[in-house]
Amino acid sequence: MLELTAMNFITEFFTPERISLIVRVVLILVIGIPVVKLIGKIVARLIKGKLSIQSEVLVLRTVKYVLLLIILVMVLNEFGFKISAILGAAGIFGVAIGFASQTSISNIISGIFLISEKPFVISDLVEVNGNVGVVESIDLLSIKLKTFDGRFVRIPNESMIKNDVINLTRYDIRRAQIVVGVAYKEDIRKVMDILKDIADNMPDALKDPAPLLLLNEFGSSSINISFGVWTSTSNVYNMKTQLILAVKERFDQEGIEIPFPHLSIYAGQASDPIKIQNISKDT
C-alpha cells in the first residue's frame, strides 16, 4: 500500500511538463555558467594591457554580473515568473532600499571617481587616516589594504574621497629623512660637514637630487638638523635605518654629543641655591 502511494506521488509530480521544465532549467545552467566563464576569459584577453588593473577588474566583474543576471532571468522565465511584474515590485522596493542605502550609493559614486582619477593603483603603497598598506583591490564600495604587519584594512570609498590619501610609491625615488639633534656646545659647521660626508659615502644614496641638510630649529635641549638622502622608493625604509646607524656611529667617533632633555628641580628656599639639583631624564 505504501509503495503504491509513493508510486502515485512520483507519477503525479513528475509529469511530462515538469520533467521538460527541469530539463530546460538544467540545460540553461549547464550551458550558461561555462559560457559566462568563457566570455569572461575572452574579455580579459581583449582588455589586457589596455586598461589599468583596477579598470580591468571592474570591467570583468560588470560583464560577469550582467551575464549571471541574464541567466537568472531566463531561469525565472522558465518557472513562469513575469519579468514585468518582478521589475515593478523591484521598483517599489528599490525606492525603500534607496533611502536605506545612501551610504552605499555614495561609496559607489566615490569608487567611480577613484577609478577614473587614478590617485593610486593596485600594488601601490598608500597611507589613509594613519593606515599604511599595499592596495590589494579597488572595488565599487571600498578599497582593501594589506598592512606591513599582515592586517587587512577595508576603507570605504567615500572616506578615500573626503580624506587625504598619500601615495608612498607613486614616484620611483623618495627621500629618507631623519632629524638629528646636537648639543648647543658643538661646532655646528663641523657637524654639517660630517653629515655631508655621511651622505656622500652612504651606499644606495643618490647624488642627484642632492642630500638635504637643513638647520631646523633651536630645540629645548639641542639644535635640530633635518638630514636626508634620496634613494629608490623600495629602499627608503632600509635607508632611514642606515642613516640613524651611520650618524650614531660617526658622532661617537667624533665625540659629538646627542643630548637628551634635562629637567631642573628646585627643592628648598630661594635663599638656599645649594639645594637646586639637575636631574637628567631620558626621553
Protein backbone atom coordinates (compact mmCIF):
# COMPACT_ATOMS: atom_id res chain seq x y z
CA MET A 1 0.00 0.00 0.00
CA LEU A 2 2.84 2.34 0.93
CA GLU A 3 4.69 1.53 -2.30
CA LEU A 4 1.56 2.32 -4.33
CA THR A 5 1.21 5.69 -2.58
CA ALA A 6 4.86 6.56 -3.32
CA MET A 7 4.48 5.48 -6.94
CA ASN A 8 1.34 7.59 -7.31
CA PHE A 9 3.13 10.62 -5.84
CA ILE A 10 6.10 10.21 -8.19
CA THR A 11 3.79 9.72 -11.16
CA GLU A 12 1.73 12.79 -10.30
CA PHE A 13 4.73 15.01 -9.51
CA PHE A 14 6.99 14.08 -12.42
CA THR A 15 4.59 14.96 -15.17
CA PRO A 16 5.92 15.40 -18.73
CA GLU A 17 5.58 19.20 -18.33
CA ARG A 18 7.61 19.26 -15.11
CA ILE A 19 10.27 16.95 -16.50
CA SER A 20 10.53 19.24 -19.53
CA LEU A 21 10.83 22.27 -17.22
CA ILE A 22 13.58 20.65 -15.13
CA VAL A 23 15.49 19.64 -18.27
CA ARG A 24 15.30 23.19 -19.67
CA VAL A 25 16.47 24.76 -16.39
CA VAL A 26 19.35 22.29 -16.08
CA LEU A 27 20.38 22.96 -19.67
CA ILE A 28 20.33 26.72 -19.06
CA LEU A 29 22.59 26.32 -16.02
CA VAL A 30 24.88 23.67 -17.52
CA ILE A 31 25.38 25.66 -20.72
CA GLY A 32 25.09 29.19 -19.30
CA ILE A 33 27.66 29.05 -16.48
CA PRO A 34 30.52 27.73 -18.69
CA VAL A 35 29.58 30.33 -21.32
CA VAL A 36 29.88 33.07 -18.68
CA LYS A 37 33.36 31.83 -17.77
CA LEU A 38 34.36 31.60 -21.43
CA ILE A 39 33.16 35.11 -22.22
CA GLY A 40 34.98 36.38 -19.11
CA LYS A 41 38.24 34.86 -20.35
CA ILE A 42 37.74 36.34 -23.83
CA VAL A 43 37.04 39.80 -22.42
CA ALA A 44 40.07 39.52 -20.13
CA ARG A 45 42.32 38.79 -23.13
CA LEU A 46 40.83 41.64 -25.15
CA ILE A 47 41.35 44.31 -22.47
CA LYS A 48 44.63 43.02 -21.02
CA GLY A 49 47.26 45.75 -21.14
CA LYS A 50 44.81 48.33 -22.50
CA LEU A 51 43.38 49.43 -19.15
CA SER A 52 44.68 49.87 -15.64
CA ILE A 53 44.49 46.87 -13.32
CA GLN A 54 41.55 48.25 -11.35
CA SER A 55 39.66 49.14 -14.56
CA GLU A 56 40.19 45.60 -15.86
CA VAL A 57 38.80 44.16 -12.62
CA LEU A 58 35.77 46.46 -12.81
CA VAL A 59 35.02 45.56 -16.44
CA LEU A 60 35.35 41.82 -15.80
CA ARG A 61 33.08 41.94 -12.76
CA THR A 62 30.48 44.00 -14.63
CA VAL A 63 30.44 41.52 -17.53
CA LYS A 64 30.19 38.59 -15.13
CA TYR A 65 27.30 40.04 -13.12
CA VAL A 66 25.35 41.08 -16.23
CA LEU A 67 25.65 37.60 -17.75
CA LEU A 68 24.67 35.92 -14.49
CA LEU A 69 21.67 38.24 -14.27
CA ILE A 70 20.61 37.18 -17.77
CA ILE A 71 20.83 33.50 -16.74
CA LEU A 72 18.75 34.24 -13.63
CA VAL A 73 16.09 35.98 -15.71
CA MET A 74 15.97 33.02 -18.10
CA VAL A 75 15.52 30.56 -15.20
CA LEU A 76 12.78 32.67 -13.63
CA ASN A 77 11.07 32.92 -17.00
CA GLU A 78 11.02 29.12 -17.24
CA PHE A 79 9.28 28.95 -13.86
CA GLY A 80 6.59 31.31 -15.14
CA PHE A 81 7.60 34.48 -13.34
CA LYS A 82 6.56 37.62 -15.20
CA ILE A 83 9.62 39.81 -15.57
CA SER A 84 7.50 42.95 -15.85
CA ALA A 85 5.83 42.18 -12.51
CA ILE A 86 9.20 41.48 -10.92
CA LEU A 87 10.58 44.77 -12.22
CA GLY A 88 7.53 46.61 -10.91
CA ALA A 89 7.96 45.11 -7.46
CA ALA A 90 11.69 45.81 -7.64
CA GLY A 91 10.88 49.44 -8.38
CA ILE A 92 8.75 49.74 -5.26
CA PHE A 93 11.34 48.03 -3.09
CA GLY A 94 14.08 50.00 -4.83
CA VAL A 95 12.67 53.29 -3.56
CA ALA A 96 12.62 51.99 0.01
CA ILE A 97 16.06 50.43 -0.28
CA GLY A 98 17.41 53.59 -1.90
CA PHE A 99 16.72 55.64 1.23
CA ALA A 100 18.39 52.97 3.36
CA SER A 101 21.45 52.65 1.14
CA GLN A 102 22.54 56.23 0.63
CA THR A 103 25.97 55.41 2.06
CA SER A 104 26.44 52.56 -0.40
CA ILE A 105 25.42 54.77 -3.32
CA SER A 106 27.84 57.44 -2.13
CA ASN A 107 30.60 54.80 -1.96
CA ILE A 108 29.79 53.59 -5.48
CA ILE A 109 29.96 57.12 -6.89
CA SER A 110 33.20 57.74 -4.99
CA GLY A 111 34.58 54.45 -6.36
CA ILE A 112 33.88 55.57 -9.91
CA PHE A 113 35.75 58.82 -9.23
CA LEU A 114 38.71 56.92 -7.75
CA ILE A 115 38.90 54.57 -10.74
CA SER A 116 38.71 57.44 -13.23
CA GLU A 117 41.09 59.78 -11.36
CA LYS A 118 43.65 57.03 -10.55
CA PRO A 119 45.35 58.56 -7.49
CA PHE A 120 46.70 55.05 -6.87
CA VAL A 121 46.59 51.62 -8.48
CA ILE A 122 46.65 48.06 -7.21
CA SER A 123 50.03 47.22 -5.57
CA ASP A 124 50.70 50.87 -4.60
CA LEU A 125 51.65 51.64 -1.00
CA VAL A 126 49.28 54.27 0.44
CA GLU A 127 48.58 55.98 3.76
CA VAL A 128 44.99 56.84 4.72
CA ASN A 129 43.88 58.00 8.17
CA GLY A 130 47.05 56.59 9.74
CA ASN A 131 46.70 53.24 7.96
CA VAL A 132 49.65 52.31 5.74
CA GLY A 133 49.32 49.33 3.43
CA VAL A 134 49.52 47.89 -0.06
CA VAL A 135 46.39 48.27 -2.18
CA GLU A 136 45.07 44.77 -2.88
CA SER A 137 41.81 45.69 -4.60
CA ILE A 138 39.74 48.70 -5.63
CA ASP A 139 36.03 47.90 -5.63
CA LEU A 140 32.91 49.98 -6.10
CA LEU A 141 32.25 50.17 -2.35
CA SER A 142 35.72 50.13 -0.80
CA ILE A 143 39.42 49.54 -1.19
CA LYS A 144 41.30 46.77 0.60
CA LEU A 145 44.76 47.27 2.10
CA LYS A 146 47.30 44.81 3.46
CA THR A 147 49.50 46.39 6.14
CA PHE A 148 53.15 45.57 6.78
CA ASP A 149 52.22 43.54 9.85
CA GLY A 150 49.73 41.42 7.91
CA ARG A 151 46.47 43.15 8.81
CA PHE A 152 43.53 43.50 6.44
CA VAL A 153 42.06 47.02 6.26
CA ARG A 154 38.84 47.89 4.43
CA ILE A 155 38.31 51.61 3.78
CA PRO A 156 35.02 52.89 2.26
CA ASN A 157 35.49 54.80 -0.98
CA GLU A 158 33.70 57.82 0.48
CA SER A 159 36.44 58.11 3.11
CA MET A 160 39.08 57.95 0.38
CA ILE A 161 37.45 60.92 -1.36
CA LYS A 162 36.95 63.00 1.80
CA ASN A 163 40.37 62.42 3.42
CA ASP A 164 43.97 62.98 2.40
CA VAL A 165 45.50 59.98 0.65
CA ILE A 166 49.29 59.72 0.48
CA ASN A 167 50.67 57.52 -2.28
CA LEU A 168 54.07 56.41 -0.99
CA THR A 169 55.12 54.60 -4.17
CA ARG A 170 53.83 56.91 -6.89
CA TYR A 171 57.35 58.02 -7.81
CA ASP A 172 60.48 55.95 -8.35
CA ILE A 173 62.60 57.74 -5.75
CA ARG A 174 61.94 59.10 -2.24
CA ARG A 175 63.92 60.93 0.41
CA ALA A 176 64.79 59.02 3.57
CA GLN A 177 64.84 61.69 6.24
CA ILE A 178 65.63 61.94 9.95
CA VAL A 179 66.03 64.75 12.49
CA VAL A 180 69.43 64.93 14.18
CA GLY A 181 69.78 66.80 17.48
CA VAL A 182 73.21 68.06 18.59
CA ALA A 183 74.24 69.81 21.80
CA TYR A 184 74.48 73.61 21.80
CA LYS A 185 78.16 73.43 22.71
CA GLU A 186 79.07 71.62 19.46
CA ASP A 187 80.56 73.30 16.37
CA ILE A 188 77.52 73.26 14.07
CA ARG A 189 79.56 73.85 10.90
CA LYS A 190 81.69 70.80 11.73
CA VAL A 191 78.54 68.77 12.37
CA MET A 192 77.11 69.83 9.00
CA ASP A 193 80.37 68.77 7.28
CA ILE A 194 80.22 65.36 9.00
CA LEU A 195 76.62 64.82 7.93
CA LYS A 196 77.51 65.78 4.36
CA ASP A 197 80.36 63.27 4.40
CA ILE A 198 78.00 60.58 5.69
CA ALA A 199 75.56 61.33 2.85
CA ASP A 200 78.33 61.25 0.23
CA ASN A 201 79.51 57.83 1.38
CA MET A 202 76.12 56.23 2.07
CA PRO A 203 75.56 53.13 -0.12
CA ASP A 204 72.50 53.31 -2.41
CA ALA A 205 72.15 57.06 -1.81
CA LEU A 206 71.58 59.14 -4.95
CA LYS A 207 73.80 62.11 -5.74
CA ASP A 208 71.03 63.82 -7.69
CA PRO A 209 68.82 65.14 -6.13
CA ALA A 210 71.28 66.43 -3.57
CA PRO A 211 71.08 65.38 0.09
CA LEU A 212 69.03 67.52 2.49
CA LEU A 213 70.92 69.43 5.21
CA LEU A 214 68.73 71.99 6.94
CA LEU A 215 69.15 73.71 10.29
CA ASN A 216 65.64 73.16 11.51
CA GLU A 217 65.18 74.81 14.90
CA PHE A 218 66.55 75.64 18.34
CA GLY A 219 65.10 72.79 20.40
CA SER A 220 64.69 72.64 24.17
CA SER A 221 67.89 70.61 24.56
CA SER A 222 69.52 70.66 21.14
CA ILE A 223 69.88 72.26 17.76
CA ASN A 224 67.82 70.12 15.41
CA ILE A 225 69.01 69.39 11.88
CA SER A 226 66.87 67.84 9.14
CA PHE A 227 69.06 65.29 7.36
CA GLY A 228 68.03 63.14 4.42
CA VAL A 229 69.22 61.43 1.27
CA TRP A 230 67.38 60.31 -1.84
CA THR A 231 67.12 56.65 -2.75
CA SER A 232 64.88 54.24 -4.62
CA THR A 233 61.35 54.03 -3.22
CA SER A 234 61.69 50.35 -2.43
CA ASN A 235 64.79 51.07 -0.29
CA VAL A 236 63.58 54.12 1.64
CA TYR A 237 62.83 52.39 4.97
CA ASN A 238 66.14 50.49 4.96
CA MET A 239 67.93 53.72 4.10
CA LYS A 240 66.39 55.51 7.08
CA THR A 241 67.70 52.79 9.38
CA GLN A 242 71.16 53.01 7.83
CA LEU A 243 71.20 56.79 8.29
CA ILE A 244 70.45 56.52 12.00
CA LEU A 245 73.16 53.88 12.47
CA ALA A 246 75.74 55.88 10.49
CA VAL A 247 75.05 59.14 12.36
CA LYS A 248 75.24 57.47 15.79
CA GLU A 249 78.49 55.62 14.99
CA ARG A 250 80.16 58.68 13.43
CA PHE A 251 79.13 61.02 16.24
CA ASP A 252 80.54 58.55 18.77
CA GLN A 253 83.84 58.54 16.86
CA GLU A 254 83.98 62.35 16.65
CA GLY A 255 82.86 62.85 20.26
CA ILE A 256 79.79 64.84 19.26
CA GLU A 257 77.06 64.84 21.87
CA ILE A 258 73.49 63.90 21.01
CA PRO A 259 71.75 65.44 24.03
CA PHE A 260 68.63 64.37 25.86
CA PRO A 261 66.29 66.72 27.73
CA HIS A 262 67.35 67.92 31.19
CA LEU A 263 64.86 68.73 33.92
CA SER A 264 65.86 71.17 36.69
CA ILE A 265 64.07 70.68 40.02
CA TYR A 266 64.30 73.19 42.89
CA ALA A 267 63.95 71.77 46.40
CA GLY A 268 64.24 74.36 49.16
CA GLN A 269 64.03 78.09 49.70
CA ALA A 270 65.19 80.64 47.19
CA SER A 271 67.90 81.74 49.63
CA ASP A 272 69.46 78.27 49.56
CA PRO A 273 70.67 77.72 45.96
CA ILE A 274 72.71 74.67 47.00
CA LYS A 275 69.51 72.63 47.08
CA ILE A 276 68.86 73.16 43.38
CA GLN A 277 69.53 69.86 41.62
CA ASN A 278 69.90 68.96 37.96
CA ILE A 279 68.29 65.68 37.08
CA SER A 280 68.76 64.18 33.64
CA LYS A 281 65.85 62.26 32.19
CA ASP A 282 65.94 60.07 29.12
CA THR A 283 63.02 60.54 26.72
